[in-house]
Amino acid sequence: MPEFDPRSGEHLPFHDEDEAGQIPLDTSGPSADARIRHLQRVPLFSGFDEADLRRIVELSRIAEVAAGTTITQIGEPGDSFFVIIDGMVTTRTPIGTGGQMKPGDFFGEMSLLDGEPRSATVVATTDVRLLVVDRTHFWRLLEETPDLIRRILTILSRRVRRLEQSLHAIVRGANPA
């Protein structure tokens, strides 16, 4: 299974005819407007004004990953935060498959927040277009877009609640009253 190379400039066939060849990994030049259009489609960024979206574009890059590629590996150091723009990924944790993630979902934030190794392996189920924020820009992005902090914290809280509910159901199933 191929490994994700964050420096790769490979362009995959997402059939964006108006953007063909316009999404290099650097943040300069005319690709910024195409990147903003990508972000406007992501629920995590809904309602952000153009200035906030432009700030996100300045602190991130877009990467395209082929189906079957391992994006993150459990136990490895984490140095990037990912938001799915197009495509699907599957997550695997020590207790099994965590399920599918779709456009608007994000991953990789835990290693950046707590400095611990990756807690999940994430594999591209389809060709995937990702917004990538490296460790060097992650905290700056959060400082400069406070609404993003609120949204990420809300989603993380929901994830914790789902895990608690799953654990409670497992314990209840093992110890019926």
C-alpha atoms as a PDB file:
ATOM      1  CA  MET A   1       0.000   0.000   0.000  1.00  0.00           C
ATOM      2  CA  PRO A   2       1.540   3.347  -0.959  1.00  0.00           C
ATOM      3  CA  GLU A   3       2.388   5.902   1.707  1.00  0.00           C
ATOM      4  CA  PHE A   4       1.283   9.529   1.520  1.00  0.00           C
ATOM      5  CA  ASP A   5       4.085  11.881   0.562  1.00  0.00           C
ATOM      6  CA  PRO A   6       3.043  15.377   1.651  1.00  0.00           C
ATOM      7  CA  ARG A   7       5.498  16.940  -0.782  1.00  0.00           C
ATOM      8  CA  SER A   8       4.005  15.203  -3.816  1.00  0.00           C
ATOM      9  CA  GLY A   9       2.571  17.508  -6.440  1.00  0.00           C
ATOM     10  CA  GLU A  10       0.659  14.718  -8.154  1.00  0.00           C
ATOM     11  CA  HIS A  11      -2.645  15.875  -9.629  1.00  0.00           C
ATOM     12  CA  LEU A  12      -5.453  13.325  -9.654  1.00  0.00           C
ATOM     13  CA  PRO A  13      -8.480  13.317 -11.957  1.00  0.00           C
ATOM     14  CA  PHE A  14     -11.155  15.095  -9.916  1.00  0.00           C
ATOM     15  CA  HIS A  15     -12.734  16.384 -13.121  1.00  0.00           C
ATOM     16  CA  ASP A  16     -12.649  20.044 -12.156  1.00  0.00           C
ATOM     17  CA  GLU A  17     -12.452  21.255 -15.727  1.00  0.00           C
ATOM     18  CA  ASP A  18     -12.256  24.926 -14.743  1.00  0.00           C
ATOM     19  CA  GLU A  19      -9.333  24.180 -12.435  1.00  0.00           C
ATOM     20  CA  ALA A  20      -7.368  21.600 -14.379  1.00  0.00           C
ATOM     21  CA  GLY A  21      -3.729  22.006 -13.531  1.00  0.00           C
ATOM     22  CA  GLN A  22      -4.381  25.024 -11.303  1.00  0.00           C
ATOM     23  CA  ILE A  23      -3.888  23.471  -7.869  1.00  0.00           C
ATOM     24  CA  PRO A  24      -0.168  23.366  -7.130  1.00  0.00           C
ATOM     25  CA  LEU A  25       0.918  22.757  -3.550  1.00  0.00           C
ATOM     26  CA  ASP A  26       2.365  26.231  -3.082  1.00  0.00           C
ATOM     27  CA  THR A  27       0.078  29.007  -1.888  1.00  0.00           C
ATOM     28  CA  SER A  28       1.081  31.753  -4.297  1.00  0.00           C
ATOM     29  CA  GLY A  29      -0.497  32.788  -7.528  1.00  0.00           C
ATOM     30  CA  PRO A  30      -3.941  32.445  -9.072  1.00  0.00           C
ATOM     31  CA  SER A  31      -4.780  29.099  -7.434  1.00  0.00           C
ATOM     32  CA  ALA A  32      -5.932  30.881  -4.256  1.00  0.00           C
ATOM     33  CA  ASP A  33      -9.411  31.535  -5.678  1.00  0.00           C
ATOM     34  CA  ALA A  34      -9.795  27.862  -6.658  1.00  0.00           C
ATOM     35  CA  ARG A  35      -8.697  26.903  -3.154  1.00  0.00           C
ATOM     36  CA  ILE A  36     -11.269  29.257  -1.630  1.00  0.00           C
ATOM     37  CA  ARG A  37     -13.956  27.650  -3.805  1.00  0.00           C
ATOM     38  CA  HIS A  38     -12.878  24.241  -2.447  1.00  0.00           C
ATOM     39  CA  LEU A  39     -13.095  25.489   1.141  1.00  0.00           C
ATOM     40  CA  GLN A  40     -16.533  27.010   0.588  1.00  0.00           C
ATOM     41  CA  ARG A  41     -17.822  23.483  -0.130  1.00  0.00           C
ATOM     42  CA  VAL A  42     -16.498  22.108   3.186  1.00  0.00           C
ATOM     43  CA  PRO A  43     -19.065  22.191   6.035  1.00  0.00           C
ATOM     44  CA  LEU A  44     -16.352  22.932   8.631  1.00  0.00           C
ATOM     45  CA  PHE A  45     -15.816  26.296   6.903  1.00  0.00           C
ATOM     46  CA  SER A  46     -19.444  27.153   6.094  1.00  0.00           C
ATOM     47  CA  GLY A  47     -20.301  30.749   6.850  1.00  0.00           C
ATOM     48  CA  PHE A  48     -16.665  31.884   6.934  1.00  0.00           C
ATOM     49  CA  ASP A  49     -16.128  35.161   5.122  1.00  0.00           C
ATOM     50  CA  GLU A  50     -13.649  35.458   2.297  1.00  0.00           C
ATOM     51  CA  ALA A  51     -10.995  37.029   4.543  1.00  0.00           C
ATOM     52  CA  ASP A  52     -11.073  34.008   6.899  1.00  0.00           C
ATOM     53  CA  LEU A  53     -11.007  31.585   3.975  1.00  0.00           C
ATOM     54  CA  ARG A  54      -8.073  33.455   2.440  1.00  0.00           C
ATOM     55  CA  ARG A  55      -6.237  33.216   5.781  1.00  0.00           C
ATOM     56  CA  ILE A  56      -6.846  29.448   5.844  1.00  0.00           C
ATOM     57  CA  VAL A  57      -5.552  29.194   2.268  1.00  0.00           C
ATOM     58  CA  GLU A  58      -2.413  31.133   3.196  1.00  0.00           C
ATOM     59  CA  LEU A  59      -1.632  28.728   6.062  1.00  0.00           C
ATOM     60  CA  SER A  60      -2.440  25.490   4.250  1.00  0.00           C
ATOM     61  CA  ARG A  61      -1.976  23.582   1.046  1.00  0.00           C
ATOM     62  CA  ILE A  62      -4.068  21.192  -0.987  1.00  0.00           C
ATOM     63  CA  ALA A  63      -2.813  17.667  -1.585  1.00  0.00           C
ATOM     64  CA  GLU A  64      -4.290  14.958  -3.741  1.00  0.00           C
ATOM     65  CA  VAL A  65      -3.898  11.356  -2.652  1.00  0.00           C
ATOM     66  CA  ALA A  66      -4.595   8.226  -4.709  1.00  0.00           C
ATOM     67  CA  ALA A  67      -7.025   5.560  -3.521  1.00  0.00           C
ATOM     68  CA  GLY A  68      -5.303   2.931  -1.381  1.00  0.00           C
ATOM     69  CA  THR A  69      -2.687   5.335  -0.003  1.00  0.00           C
ATOM     70  CA  THR A  70      -2.005   5.336   3.735  1.00  0.00           C
ATOM     71  CA  ILE A  71      -2.271   8.976   4.833  1.00  0.00           C
ATOM     72  CA  THR A  72      -1.508   8.508   8.536  1.00  0.00           C
ATOM     73  CA  GLN A  73      -0.136   5.464  10.345  1.00  0.00           C
ATOM     74  CA  ILE A  74      -0.990   4.607  13.939  1.00  0.00           C
ATOM     75  CA  GLY A  75       1.971   5.114  16.261  1.00  0.00           C
ATOM     76  CA  GLU A  76       3.833   7.433  13.880  1.00  0.00           C
ATOM     77  CA  PRO A  77       4.538  11.063  14.768  1.00  0.00           C
ATOM     78  CA  GLY A  78       1.899  13.446  13.495  1.00  0.00           C
ATOM     79  CA  ASP A  79       2.868  16.711  11.883  1.00  0.00           C
ATOM     80  CA  SER A  80      -0.234  17.619   9.845  1.00  0.00           C
ATOM     81  CA  PHE A  81      -3.955  18.258  10.235  1.00  0.00           C
ATOM     82  CA  PHE A  82      -6.180  17.176   7.330  1.00  0.00           C
ATOM     83  CA  VAL A  83      -9.624  18.280   6.133  1.00  0.00           C
ATOM     84  CA  ILE A  84     -11.262  16.163   3.435  1.00  0.00           C
ATOM     85  CA  ILE A  85     -12.368  18.296   0.501  1.00  0.00           C
ATOM     86  CA  ASP A  86     -13.229  15.473  -1.942  1.00  0.00           C
ATOM     87  CA  GLY A  87     -13.244  11.699  -1.600  1.00  0.00           C
ATOM     88  CA  MET A  88     -13.490   9.216   1.257  1.00  0.00           C
ATOM     89  CA  VAL A  89     -11.082   7.692   3.765  1.00  0.00           C
ATOM     90  CA  THR A  90     -11.314   4.796   6.216  1.00  0.00           C
ATOM     91  CA  THR A  91      -9.972   4.999   9.749  1.00  0.00           C
ATOM     92  CA  ARG A  92      -8.553   2.102  11.756  1.00  0.00           C
ATOM     93  CA  THR A  93      -7.745   2.225  15.456  1.00  0.00           C
ATOM     94  CA  PRO A  94      -6.401  -0.441  17.832  1.00  0.00           C
ATOM     95  CA  ILE A  95      -9.976  -1.567  18.505  1.00  0.00           C
ATOM     96  CA  GLY A  96     -10.948  -1.924  14.838  1.00  0.00           C
ATOM     97  CA  THR A  97     -12.236   0.016  11.887  1.00  0.00           C
ATOM     98  CA  GLY A  98     -13.574   3.408  12.859  1.00  0.00           C
ATOM     99  CA  GLY A  99     -15.564   3.871   9.711  1.00  0.00           C
ATOM    100  CA  GLN A 100     -15.643   6.156   6.712  1.00  0.00           C
ATOM    101  CA  MET A 101     -14.887   9.853   6.691  1.00  0.00           C
ATOM    102  CA  LYS A 102     -16.259  12.097   3.961  1.00  0.00           C
ATOM    103  CA  PRO A 103     -15.826  15.645   2.669  1.00  0.00           C
ATOM    104  CA  GLY A 104     -15.908  18.099   5.547  1.00  0.00           C
ATOM    105  CA  ASP A 105     -14.531  15.585   8.060  1.00  0.00           C
ATOM    106  CA  PHE A 106     -11.085  16.160   9.518  1.00  0.00           C
ATOM    107  CA  PHE A 107      -8.364  14.112  11.159  1.00  0.00           C
ATOM    108  CA  GLY A 108      -4.842  14.459  12.486  1.00  0.00           C
ATOM    109  CA  GLU A 109      -5.663  17.175  15.007  1.00  0.00           C
ATOM    110  CA  MET A 110      -5.031  15.028  18.102  1.00  0.00           C
ATOM    111  CA  SER A 111      -1.301  14.615  17.451  1.00  0.00           C
ATOM    112  CA  LEU A 112      -0.953  18.345  16.886  1.00  0.00           C
ATOM    113  CA  LEU A 113      -2.924  19.184  20.026  1.00  0.00           C
ATOM    114  CA  ASP A 114      -1.202  16.801  22.450  1.00  0.00           C
ATOM    115  CA  GLY A 115       2.118  15.930  20.755  1.00  0.00           C
ATOM    116  CA  GLU A 116       1.422  12.185  20.991  1.00  0.00           C
ATOM    117  CA  PRO A 117       1.826   9.729  18.072  1.00  0.00           C
ATOM    118  CA  ARG A 118      -1.033   9.114  15.648  1.00  0.00           C
ATOM    119  CA  SER A 119      -3.957   7.281  17.240  1.00  0.00           C
ATOM    120  CA  ALA A 120      -5.337   5.918  13.955  1.00  0.00           C
ATOM    121  CA  THR A 121      -4.331   4.710  10.548  1.00  0.00           C
ATOM    122  CA  VAL A 122      -6.179   6.580   7.802  1.00  0.00           C
ATOM    123  CA  VAL A 123      -6.312   5.126   4.283  1.00  0.00           C
ATOM    124  CA  ALA A 124      -7.765   6.767   1.170  1.00  0.00           C
ATOM    125  CA  THR A 125     -10.772   4.700   0.076  1.00  0.00           C
ATOM    126  CA  THR A 126     -11.105   6.768  -3.099  1.00  0.00           C
ATOM    127  CA  ASP A 127      -8.895   9.402  -4.646  1.00  0.00           C
ATOM    128  CA  VAL A 128      -8.893  12.166  -2.035  1.00  0.00           C
ATOM    129  CA  ARG A 129      -8.318  15.908  -2.116  1.00  0.00           C
ATOM    130  CA  LEU A 130      -7.172  17.213   1.267  1.00  0.00           C
ATOM    131  CA  LEU A 131      -6.570  20.562   2.856  1.00  0.00           C
ATOM    132  CA  VAL A 132      -3.327  20.076   4.792  1.00  0.00           C
ATOM    133  CA  VAL A 133      -2.192  22.289   7.660  1.00  0.00           C
ATOM    134  CA  ASP A 134       1.290  21.491   8.930  1.00  0.00           C
ATOM    135  CA  ARG A 135       2.295  21.726  12.578  1.00  0.00           C
ATOM    136  CA  THR A 136       4.169  24.978  11.925  1.00  0.00           C
ATOM    137  CA  HIS A 137       0.917  26.679  10.859  1.00  0.00           C
ATOM    138  CA  PHE A 138      -1.705  24.830  12.920  1.00  0.00           C
ATOM    139  CA  TRP A 139      -1.590  26.970  16.078  1.00  0.00           C
ATOM    140  CA  ARG A 140      -1.350  30.159  14.061  1.00  0.00           C
ATOM    141  CA  LEU A 141      -4.424  29.115  12.077  1.00  0.00           C
ATOM    142  CA  LEU A 142      -6.372  28.491  15.294  1.00  0.00           C
ATOM    143  CA  GLU A 143      -5.258  31.829  16.756  1.00  0.00           C
ATOM    144  CA  GLU A 144      -6.262  33.727  13.625  1.00  0.00           C
ATOM    145  CA  THR A 145      -9.621  32.003  13.052  1.00  0.00           C
ATOM    146  CA  PRO A 146     -11.305  31.650  16.476  1.00  0.00           C
ATOM    147  CA  ASP A 147     -14.541  30.355  14.961  1.00  0.00           C
ATOM    148  CA  LEU A 148     -12.570  27.374  13.662  1.00  0.00           C
ATOM    149  CA  ILE A 149     -11.506  26.550  17.239  1.00  0.00           C
ATOM    150  CA  ARG A 150     -15.151  26.480  18.346  1.00  0.00           C
ATOM    151  CA  ARG A 151     -16.148  24.239  15.464  1.00  0.00           C
ATOM    152  CA  ILE A 152     -13.274  21.797  16.012  1.00  0.00           C
ATOM    153  CA  LEU A 153     -13.974  21.621  19.755  1.00  0.00           C
ATOM    154  CA  THR A 154     -17.666  20.956  19.113  1.00  0.00           C
ATOM    155  CA  ILE A 155     -16.859  18.117  16.725  1.00  0.00           C
ATOM    156  CA  LEU A 156     -14.251  16.652  19.104  1.00  0.00           C
ATOM    157  CA  SER A 157     -16.792  16.760  21.932  1.00  0.00           C
ATOM    158  CA  ARG A 158     -19.308  14.874  19.767  1.00  0.00           C
ATOM    159  CA  ARG A 159     -16.658  12.260  18.955  1.00  0.00           C
ATOM    160  CA  VAL A 160     -15.920  11.755  22.659  1.00  0.00           C
ATOM    161  CA  ARG A 161     -19.638  11.411  23.421  1.00  0.00           C
ATOM    162  CA  ARG A 162     -20.056   8.791  20.663  1.00  0.00           C
ATOM    163  CA  LEU A 163     -17.095   6.854  22.076  1.00  0.00           C
ATOM    164  CA  GLU A 164     -18.588   7.035  25.582  1.00  0.00           C
ATOM    165  CA  GLN A 165     -21.939   5.783  24.262  1.00  0.00           C
ATOM    166  CA  SER A 166     -20.229   2.929  22.411  1.00  0.00           C
ATOM    167  CA  LEU A 167     -18.215   1.975  25.475  1.00  0.00           C
ATOM    168  CA  HIS A 168     -21.316   2.135  27.657  1.00  0.00           C
ATOM    169  CA  ALA A 169     -23.195  -0.137  25.208  1.00  0.00           C
ATOM    170  CA  ILE A 170     -20.276  -2.628  25.215  1.00  0.00           C
ATOM    171  CA  VAL A 171     -20.106  -2.681  29.003  1.00  0.00           C
ATOM    172  CA  ARG A 172     -23.894  -3.027  29.260  1.00  0.00           C
ATOM    173  CA  GLY A 173     -23.807  -5.896  26.753  1.00  0.00           C
ATOM    174  CA  ALA A 174     -21.066  -7.695  28.724  1.00  0.00           C
ATOM    175  CA  ASN A 175     -22.910  -7.159  32.067  1.00  0.00           C
ATOM    176  CA  PRO A 176     -26.659  -7.360  31.380  1.00  0.00           C
ATOM    177  CA  ALA A 177     -28.660  -6.118  34.368  1.00  0.00           C
END
